[in-house]
Amino acid sequence: MKNEAEKPSASLGAQIMMASELGSSIVVLSIAGYFAGAWLDGQMHWSPYGVIVGISVGFGLGIAYILKRSSDMDKKS
């Protein structure tokens, strides 16, 4: 029987690709939050609070995505 230490790990390329996917998800969702907040500022005249809330929500969604994705990877292995 093999123990946990002998399991093959993912290749370096796969690890780099996963890290870039997770990092870019935070950036993309934060930028989307910025634009949504800027649109909300234009509609409701809440400047700058819409942008601040939009970026915060986008960043929070990015963190939630990373946590969900890492949980899925843990279940897989």
PDB file of N, CA and C in Angstrom:
ATOM      1  N   MET A   1       0.826  -1.186   0.000  1.00  0.00           N
ATOM      2  CA  MET A   1       0.000   0.000   0.000  1.00  0.00           C
ATOM      3  C   MET A   1       0.866   1.243   0.000  1.00  0.00           C
ATOM      4  N   LYS A   2       0.474   2.199  -0.773  1.00  0.00           N
ATOM      5  CA  LYS A   2       1.199   3.464  -0.805  1.00  0.00           C
ATOM      6  C   LYS A   2       0.641   4.380   0.273  1.00  0.00           C
ATOM      7  N   ASN A   3       1.524   5.122   0.893  1.00  0.00           N
ATOM      8  CA  ASN A   3       1.033   6.107   1.860  1.00  0.00           C
ATOM      9  C   ASN A   3       0.850   7.450   1.178  1.00  0.00           C
ATOM     10  N   GLU A   4       0.351   8.414   1.932  1.00  0.00           N
ATOM     11  CA  GLU A   4       0.023   9.730   1.370  1.00  0.00           C
ATOM     12  C   GLU A   4       1.245  10.436   0.808  1.00  0.00           C
ATOM     13  N   ALA A   5       2.423  10.219   1.364  1.00  0.00           N
ATOM     14  CA  ALA A   5       3.623  10.933   0.927  1.00  0.00           C
ATOM     15  C   ALA A   5       4.081  10.472  -0.457  1.00  0.00           C
ATOM     16  N   GLU A   6       3.681   9.289  -0.895  1.00  0.00           N
ATOM     17  CA  GLU A   6       4.135   8.759  -2.171  1.00  0.00           C
ATOM     18  C   GLU A   6       3.215   9.118  -3.335  1.00  0.00           C
ATOM     19  N   LYS A   7       2.154   9.873  -3.092  1.00  0.00           N
ATOM     20  CA  LYS A   7       1.259  10.267  -4.175  1.00  0.00           C
ATOM     21  C   LYS A   7       1.982  11.214  -5.117  1.00  0.00           C
ATOM     22  N   PRO A   8       1.817  11.015  -6.414  1.00  0.00           N
ATOM     23  CA  PRO A   8       2.464  11.947  -7.335  1.00  0.00           C
ATOM     24  C   PRO A   8       1.799  13.315  -7.262  1.00  0.00           C
ATOM     25  N   SER A   9       2.608  14.360  -7.262  1.00  0.00           N
ATOM     26  CA  SER A   9       2.051  15.707  -7.217  1.00  0.00           C
ATOM     27  C   SER A   9       1.825  16.206  -8.641  1.00  0.00           C
ATOM     28  N   ALA A  10       1.061  17.263  -8.747  1.00  0.00           N
ATOM     29  CA  ALA A  10       0.784  17.847 -10.061  1.00  0.00           C
ATOM     30  C   ALA A  10       2.072  18.422 -10.632  1.00  0.00           C
ATOM     31  N   SER A  11       2.148  18.463 -11.935  1.00  0.00           N
ATOM     32  CA  SER A  11       3.350  18.986 -12.581  1.00  0.00           C
ATOM     33  C   SER A  11       3.490  20.476 -12.305  1.00  0.00           C
ATOM     34  N   LEU A  12       4.689  20.967 -12.485  1.00  0.00           N
ATOM     35  CA  LEU A  12       4.970  22.375 -12.246  1.00  0.00           C
ATOM     36  C   LEU A  12       4.132  23.264 -13.159  1.00  0.00           C
ATOM     37  N   GLY A  13       3.981  22.856 -14.404  1.00  0.00           N
ATOM     38  CA  GLY A  13       3.178  23.624 -15.347  1.00  0.00           C
ATOM     39  C   GLY A  13       1.729  23.736 -14.905  1.00  0.00           C
ATOM     40  N   ALA A  14       1.168  22.638 -14.391  1.00  0.00           N
ATOM     41  CA  ALA A  14      -0.214  22.654 -13.921  1.00  0.00           C
ATOM     42  C   ALA A  14      -0.356  23.539 -12.694  1.00  0.00           C
ATOM     43  N   GLN A  15       0.650  23.525 -11.834  1.00  0.00           N
ATOM     44  CA  GLN A  15       0.604  24.376 -10.645  1.00  0.00           C
ATOM     45  C   GLN A  15       0.692  25.850 -11.014  1.00  0.00           C
ATOM     46  N   ILE A  16       1.537  26.183 -11.972  1.00  0.00           N
ATOM     47  CA  ILE A  16       1.662  27.574 -12.419  1.00  0.00           C
ATOM     48  C   ILE A  16       0.363  28.039 -13.071  1.00  0.00           C
ATOM     49  N   MET A  17      -0.238  27.171 -13.880  1.00  0.00           N
ATOM     50  CA  MET A  17      -1.486  27.534 -14.537  1.00  0.00           C
ATOM     51  C   MET A  17      -2.600  27.745 -13.509  1.00  0.00           C
ATOM     52  N   MET A  18      -2.660  26.920 -12.489  1.00  0.00           N
ATOM     53  CA  MET A  18      -3.676  27.068 -11.449  1.00  0.00           C
ATOM     54  C   MET A  18      -3.471  28.368 -10.682  1.00  0.00           C
ATOM     55  N   ALA A  19      -2.229  28.697 -10.351  1.00  0.00           N
ATOM     56  CA  ALA A  19      -1.946  29.935  -9.619  1.00  0.00           C
ATOM     57  C   ALA A  19      -2.311  31.159 -10.451  1.00  0.00           C
ATOM     58  N   SER A  20      -2.031  31.115 -11.743  1.00  0.00           N
ATOM     59  CA  SER A  20      -2.374  32.265 -12.588  1.00  0.00           C
ATOM     60  C   SER A  20      -3.880  32.382 -12.766  1.00  0.00           C
ATOM     61  N   GLU A  21      -4.580  31.265 -12.819  1.00  0.00           N
ATOM     62  CA  GLU A  21      -6.043  31.313 -12.933  1.00  0.00           C
ATOM     63  C   GLU A  21      -6.660  31.926 -11.680  1.00  0.00           C
ATOM     64  N   LEU A  22      -6.174  31.519 -10.522  1.00  0.00           N
ATOM     65  CA  LEU A  22      -6.743  32.033  -9.286  1.00  0.00           C
ATOM     66  C   LEU A  22      -6.415  33.510  -9.098  1.00  0.00           C
ATOM     67  N   GLY A  23      -5.198  33.910  -9.438  1.00  0.00           N
ATOM     68  CA  GLY A  23      -4.824  35.313  -9.326  1.00  0.00           C
ATOM     69  C   GLY A  23      -5.590  36.191 -10.288  1.00  0.00           C
ATOM     70  N   SER A  24      -5.750  35.709 -11.499  1.00  0.00           N
ATOM     71  CA  SER A  24      -6.468  36.519 -12.490  1.00  0.00           C
ATOM     72  C   SER A  24      -7.948  36.614 -12.167  1.00  0.00           C
ATOM     73  N   SER A  25      -8.494  35.634 -11.461  1.00  0.00           N
ATOM     74  CA  SER A  25      -9.912  35.714 -11.106  1.00  0.00           C
ATOM     75  C   SER A  25     -10.166  36.876 -10.150  1.00  0.00           C
ATOM     76  N   ILE A  26      -9.261  37.124  -9.220  1.00  0.00           N
ATOM     77  CA  ILE A  26      -9.417  38.259  -8.312  1.00  0.00           C
ATOM     78  C   ILE A  26      -9.347  39.566  -9.104  1.00  0.00           C
ATOM     79  N   VAL A  27      -8.385  39.662 -10.009  1.00  0.00           N
ATOM     80  CA  VAL A  27      -8.209  40.886 -10.786  1.00  0.00           C
ATOM     81  C   VAL A  27      -9.432  41.140 -11.672  1.00  0.00           C
ATOM     82  N   VAL A  28      -9.878  40.134 -12.382  1.00  0.00           N
ATOM     83  CA  VAL A  28     -11.006  40.307 -13.310  1.00  0.00           C
ATOM     84  C   VAL A  28     -12.286  40.678 -12.553  1.00  0.00           C
ATOM     85  N   LEU A  29     -12.550  40.001 -11.447  1.00  0.00           N
ATOM     86  CA  LEU A  29     -13.763  40.307 -10.696  1.00  0.00           C
ATOM     87  C   LEU A  29     -13.696  41.681 -10.034  1.00  0.00           C
ATOM     88  N   SER A  30     -12.512  42.095  -9.600  1.00  0.00           N
ATOM     89  CA  SER A  30     -12.367  43.439  -9.023  1.00  0.00           C
ATOM     90  C   SER A  30     -12.574  44.516 -10.083  1.00  0.00           C
ATOM     91  N   ILE A  31     -12.042  44.293 -11.277  1.00  0.00           N
ATOM     92  CA  ILE A  31     -12.237  45.257 -12.365  1.00  0.00           C
ATOM     93  C   ILE A  31     -13.711  45.313 -12.773  1.00  0.00           C
ATOM     94  N   ALA A  32     -14.359  44.162 -12.830  1.00  0.00           N
ATOM     95  CA  ALA A  32     -15.792  44.145 -13.140  1.00  0.00           C
ATOM     96  C   ALA A  32     -16.574  44.888 -12.058  1.00  0.00           C
ATOM     97  N   GLY A  33     -16.168  44.728 -10.805  1.00  0.00           N
ATOM     98  CA  GLY A  33     -16.808  45.448  -9.707  1.00  0.00           C
ATOM     99  C   GLY A  33     -16.600  46.945  -9.820  1.00  0.00           C
ATOM    100  N   TYR A  34     -15.412  47.345 -10.284  1.00  0.00           N
ATOM    101  CA  TYR A  34     -15.148  48.770 -10.489  1.00  0.00           C
ATOM    102  C   TYR A  34     -16.103  49.354 -11.530  1.00  0.00           C
ATOM    103  N   PHE A  35     -16.231  48.679 -12.663  1.00  0.00           N
ATOM    104  CA  PHE A  35     -17.094  49.196 -13.717  1.00  0.00           C
ATOM    105  C   PHE A  35     -18.566  49.186 -13.306  1.00  0.00           C
ATOM    106  N   ALA A  36     -18.972  48.154 -12.577  1.00  0.00           N
ATOM    107  CA  ALA A  36     -20.351  48.118 -12.091  1.00  0.00           C
ATOM    108  C   ALA A  36     -20.592  49.249 -11.091  1.00  0.00           C
ATOM    109  N   GLY A  37     -19.615  49.486 -10.228  1.00  0.00           N
ATOM    110  CA  GLY A  37     -19.738  50.580  -9.270  1.00  0.00           C
ATOM    111  C   GLY A  37     -19.720  51.938  -9.935  1.00  0.00           C
ATOM    112  N   ALA A  38     -18.892  52.100 -10.972  1.00  0.00           N
ATOM    113  CA  ALA A  38     -18.848  53.365 -11.701  1.00  0.00           C
ATOM    114  C   ALA A  38     -20.183  53.615 -12.412  1.00  0.00           C
ATOM    115  N   TRP A  39     -20.777  52.566 -12.969  1.00  0.00           N
ATOM    116  CA  TRP A  39     -22.084  52.711 -13.599  1.00  0.00           C
ATOM    117  C   TRP A  39     -23.129  53.103 -12.552  1.00  0.00           C
ATOM    118  N   LEU A  40     -23.061  52.453 -11.385  1.00  0.00           N
ATOM    119  CA  LEU A  40     -24.003  52.751 -10.315  1.00  0.00           C
ATOM    120  C   LEU A  40     -23.828  54.196  -9.828  1.00  0.00           C
ATOM    121  N   ASP A  41     -22.579  54.651  -9.750  1.00  0.00           N
ATOM    122  CA  ASP A  41     -22.321  56.045  -9.382  1.00  0.00           C
ATOM    123  C   ASP A  41     -22.963  57.005 -10.375  1.00  0.00           C
ATOM    124  N   GLY A  42     -22.865  56.692 -11.650  1.00  0.00           N
ATOM    125  CA  GLY A  42     -23.462  57.548 -12.672  1.00  0.00           C
ATOM    126  C   GLY A  42     -24.980  57.575 -12.606  1.00  0.00           C
ATOM    127  N   GLN A  43     -25.581  56.445 -12.247  1.00  0.00           N
ATOM    128  CA  GLN A  43     -27.038  56.360 -12.191  1.00  0.00           C
ATOM    129  C   GLN A  43     -27.610  56.976 -10.914  1.00  0.00           C
ATOM    130  N   MET A  44     -26.945  56.713  -9.798  1.00  0.00           N
ATOM    131  CA  MET A  44     -27.489  57.114  -8.497  1.00  0.00           C
ATOM    132  C   MET A  44     -26.796  58.328  -7.880  1.00  0.00           C
ATOM    133  N   HIS A  45     -25.727  58.808  -8.514  1.00  0.00           N
ATOM    134  CA  HIS A  45     -24.963  59.958  -8.011  1.00  0.00           C
ATOM    135  C   HIS A  45     -24.433  59.699  -6.597  1.00  0.00           C
ATOM    136  N   TRP A  46     -23.849  58.512  -6.399  1.00  0.00           N
ATOM    137  CA  TRP A  46     -23.306  58.120  -5.104  1.00  0.00           C
ATOM    138  C   TRP A  46     -21.790  58.249  -5.050  1.00  0.00           C
ATOM    139  N   SER A  47     -21.190  58.903  -5.980  1.00  0.00           N
ATOM    140  CA  SER A  47     -19.737  58.937  -6.113  1.00  0.00           C
ATOM    141  C   SER A  47     -19.058  59.248  -4.789  1.00  0.00           C
ATOM    142  N   PRO A  48     -18.054  58.584  -4.408  1.00  0.00           N
ATOM    143  CA  PRO A  48     -17.325  57.428  -4.920  1.00  0.00           C
ATOM    144  C   PRO A  48     -17.755  56.107  -4.287  1.00  0.00           C
ATOM    145  N   TYR A  49     -18.871  56.111  -3.575  1.00  0.00           N
ATOM    146  CA  TYR A  49     -19.246  54.920  -2.809  1.00  0.00           C
ATOM    147  C   TYR A  49     -19.601  53.719  -3.673  1.00  0.00           C
ATOM    148  N   GLY A  50     -20.159  53.929  -4.828  1.00  0.00           N
ATOM    149  CA  GLY A  50     -20.479  52.812  -5.720  1.00  0.00           C
ATOM    150  C   GLY A  50     -19.235  52.080  -6.175  1.00  0.00           C
ATOM    151  N   VAL A  51     -18.180  52.844  -6.500  1.00  0.00           N
ATOM    152  CA  VAL A  51     -16.924  52.224  -6.930  1.00  0.00           C
ATOM    153  C   VAL A  51     -16.289  51.451  -5.777  1.00  0.00           C
ATOM    154  N   ILE A  52     -16.303  52.043  -4.589  1.00  0.00           N
ATOM    155  CA  ILE A  52     -15.709  51.374  -3.429  1.00  0.00           C
ATOM    156  C   ILE A  52     -16.441  50.072  -3.126  1.00  0.00           C
ATOM    157  N   VAL A  53     -17.761  50.125  -3.144  1.00  0.00           N
ATOM    158  CA  VAL A  53     -18.552  48.918  -2.884  1.00  0.00           C
ATOM    159  C   VAL A  53     -18.362  47.910  -4.008  1.00  0.00           C
ATOM    160  N   GLY A  54     -18.335  48.379  -5.251  1.00  0.00           N
ATOM    161  CA  GLY A  54     -18.156  47.467  -6.387  1.00  0.00           C
ATOM    162  C   GLY A  54     -16.836  46.727  -6.342  1.00  0.00           C
ATOM    163  N   ILE A  55     -15.764  47.441  -6.051  1.00  0.00           N
ATOM    164  CA  ILE A  55     -14.451  46.791  -5.958  1.00  0.00           C
ATOM    165  C   ILE A  55     -14.431  45.818  -4.787  1.00  0.00           C
ATOM    166  N   SER A  56     -15.014  46.211  -3.664  1.00  0.00           N
ATOM    167  CA  SER A  56     -15.040  45.323  -2.495  1.00  0.00           C
ATOM    168  C   SER A  56     -15.827  44.048  -2.777  1.00  0.00           C
ATOM    169  N   VAL A  57     -16.971  44.190  -3.425  1.00  0.00           N
ATOM    170  CA  VAL A  57     -17.780  43.012  -3.756  1.00  0.00           C
ATOM    171  C   VAL A  57     -17.035  42.128  -4.763  1.00  0.00           C
ATOM    172  N   GLY A  58     -16.410  42.739  -5.765  1.00  0.00           N
ATOM    173  CA  GLY A  58     -15.646  41.964  -6.740  1.00  0.00           C
ATOM    174  C   GLY A  58     -14.496  41.217  -6.099  1.00  0.00           C
ATOM    175  N   PHE A  59     -13.783  41.880  -5.195  1.00  0.00           N
ATOM    176  CA  PHE A  59     -12.679  41.227  -4.494  1.00  0.00           C
ATOM    177  C   PHE A  59     -13.194  40.088  -3.624  1.00  0.00           C
ATOM    178  N   GLY A  60     -14.306  40.322  -2.937  1.00  0.00           N
ATOM    179  CA  GLY A  60     -14.901  39.273  -2.099  1.00  0.00           C
ATOM    180  C   GLY A  60     -15.336  38.069  -2.919  1.00  0.00           C
ATOM    181  N   LEU A  61     -15.909  38.321  -4.090  1.00  0.00           N
ATOM    182  CA  LEU A  61     -16.296  37.210  -4.969  1.00  0.00           C
ATOM    183  C   LEU A  61     -15.070  36.453  -5.466  1.00  0.00           C
ATOM    184  N   GLY A  62     -13.975  37.171  -5.715  1.00  0.00           N
ATOM    185  CA  GLY A  62     -12.739  36.513  -6.128  1.00  0.00           C
ATOM    186  C   GLY A  62     -12.197  35.598  -5.037  1.00  0.00           C
ATOM    187  N   ILE A  63     -12.222  36.066  -3.802  1.00  0.00           N
ATOM    188  CA  ILE A  63     -11.773  35.243  -2.676  1.00  0.00           C
ATOM    189  C   ILE A  63     -12.689  34.039  -2.506  1.00  0.00           C
ATOM    190  N   ALA A  64     -13.994  34.251  -2.626  1.00  0.00           N
ATOM    191  CA  ALA A  64     -14.939  33.132  -2.505  1.00  0.00           C
ATOM    192  C   ALA A  64     -14.699  32.098  -3.600  1.00  0.00           C
ATOM    193  N   TYR A  65     -14.394  32.556  -4.815  1.00  0.00           N
ATOM    194  CA  TYR A  65     -14.101  31.636  -5.912  1.00  0.00           C
ATOM    195  C   TYR A  65     -12.847  30.827  -5.610  1.00  0.00           C
ATOM    196  N   ILE A  66     -11.828  31.481  -5.098  1.00  0.00           N
ATOM    197  CA  ILE A  66     -10.586  30.775  -4.768  1.00  0.00           C
ATOM    198  C   ILE A  66     -10.834  29.731  -3.685  1.00  0.00           C
ATOM    199  N   LEU A  67     -11.596  30.081  -2.663  1.00  0.00           N
ATOM    200  CA  LEU A  67     -11.887  29.122  -1.595  1.00  0.00           C
ATOM    201  C   LEU A  67     -12.688  27.935  -2.114  1.00  0.00           C
ATOM    202  N   LYS A  68     -13.664  28.198  -2.966  1.00  0.00           N
ATOM    203  CA  LYS A  68     -14.459  27.107  -3.530  1.00  0.00           C
ATOM    204  C   LYS A  68     -13.603  26.216  -4.423  1.00  0.00           C
ATOM    205  N   ARG A  69     -12.778  26.837  -5.239  1.00  0.00           N
ATOM    206  CA  ARG A  69     -11.922  26.079  -6.156  1.00  0.00           C
ATOM    207  C   ARG A  69     -10.913  25.224  -5.386  1.00  0.00           C
ATOM    208  N   SER A  70     -10.315  25.777  -4.338  1.00  0.00           N
ATOM    209  CA  SER A  70      -9.347  24.995  -3.568  1.00  0.00           C
ATOM    210  C   SER A  70     -10.032  23.876  -2.797  1.00  0.00           C
ATOM    211  N   SER A  71     -11.262  24.104  -2.352  1.00  0.00           N
ATOM    212  CA  SER A  71     -12.027  23.050  -1.702  1.00  0.00           C
ATOM    213  C   SER A  71     -12.331  21.917  -2.674  1.00  0.00           C
ATOM    214  N   ASP A  72     -12.680  22.277  -3.914  1.00  0.00           N
ATOM    215  CA  ASP A  72     -12.935  21.264  -4.933  1.00  0.00           C
ATOM    216  C   ASP A  72     -11.673  20.458  -5.234  1.00  0.00           C
ATOM    217  N   MET A  73     -10.519  21.126  -5.262  1.00  0.00           N
ATOM    218  CA  MET A  73      -9.258  20.425  -5.539  1.00  0.00           C
ATOM    219  C   MET A  73      -8.912  19.479  -4.396  1.00  0.00           C
ATOM    220  N   ASP A  74      -9.200  19.881  -3.150  1.00  0.00           N
ATOM    221  CA  ASP A  74      -8.942  19.010  -2.014  1.00  0.00           C
ATOM    222  C   ASP A  74      -9.815  17.755  -2.051  1.00  0.00           C
ATOM    223  N   LYS A  75     -11.067  17.924  -2.478  1.00  0.00           N
ATOM    224  CA  LYS A  75     -11.960  16.775  -2.582  1.00  0.00           C
ATOM    225  C   LYS A  75     -11.520  15.821  -3.673  1.00  0.00           C
ATOM    226  N   LYS A  76     -10.933  16.387  -4.734  1.00  0.00           N
ATOM    227  CA  LYS A  76     -10.480  15.568  -5.862  1.00  0.00           C
ATOM    228  C   LYS A  76      -9.298  14.683  -5.485  1.00  0.00           C
ATOM    229  N   SER A  77      -8.403  15.220  -4.675  1.00  0.00           N
ATOM    230  CA  SER A  77      -7.183  14.458  -4.357  1.00  0.00           C
ATOM    231  C   SER A  77      -7.301  13.626  -3.117  1.00  0.00           C
TER     232      SER A  77
END
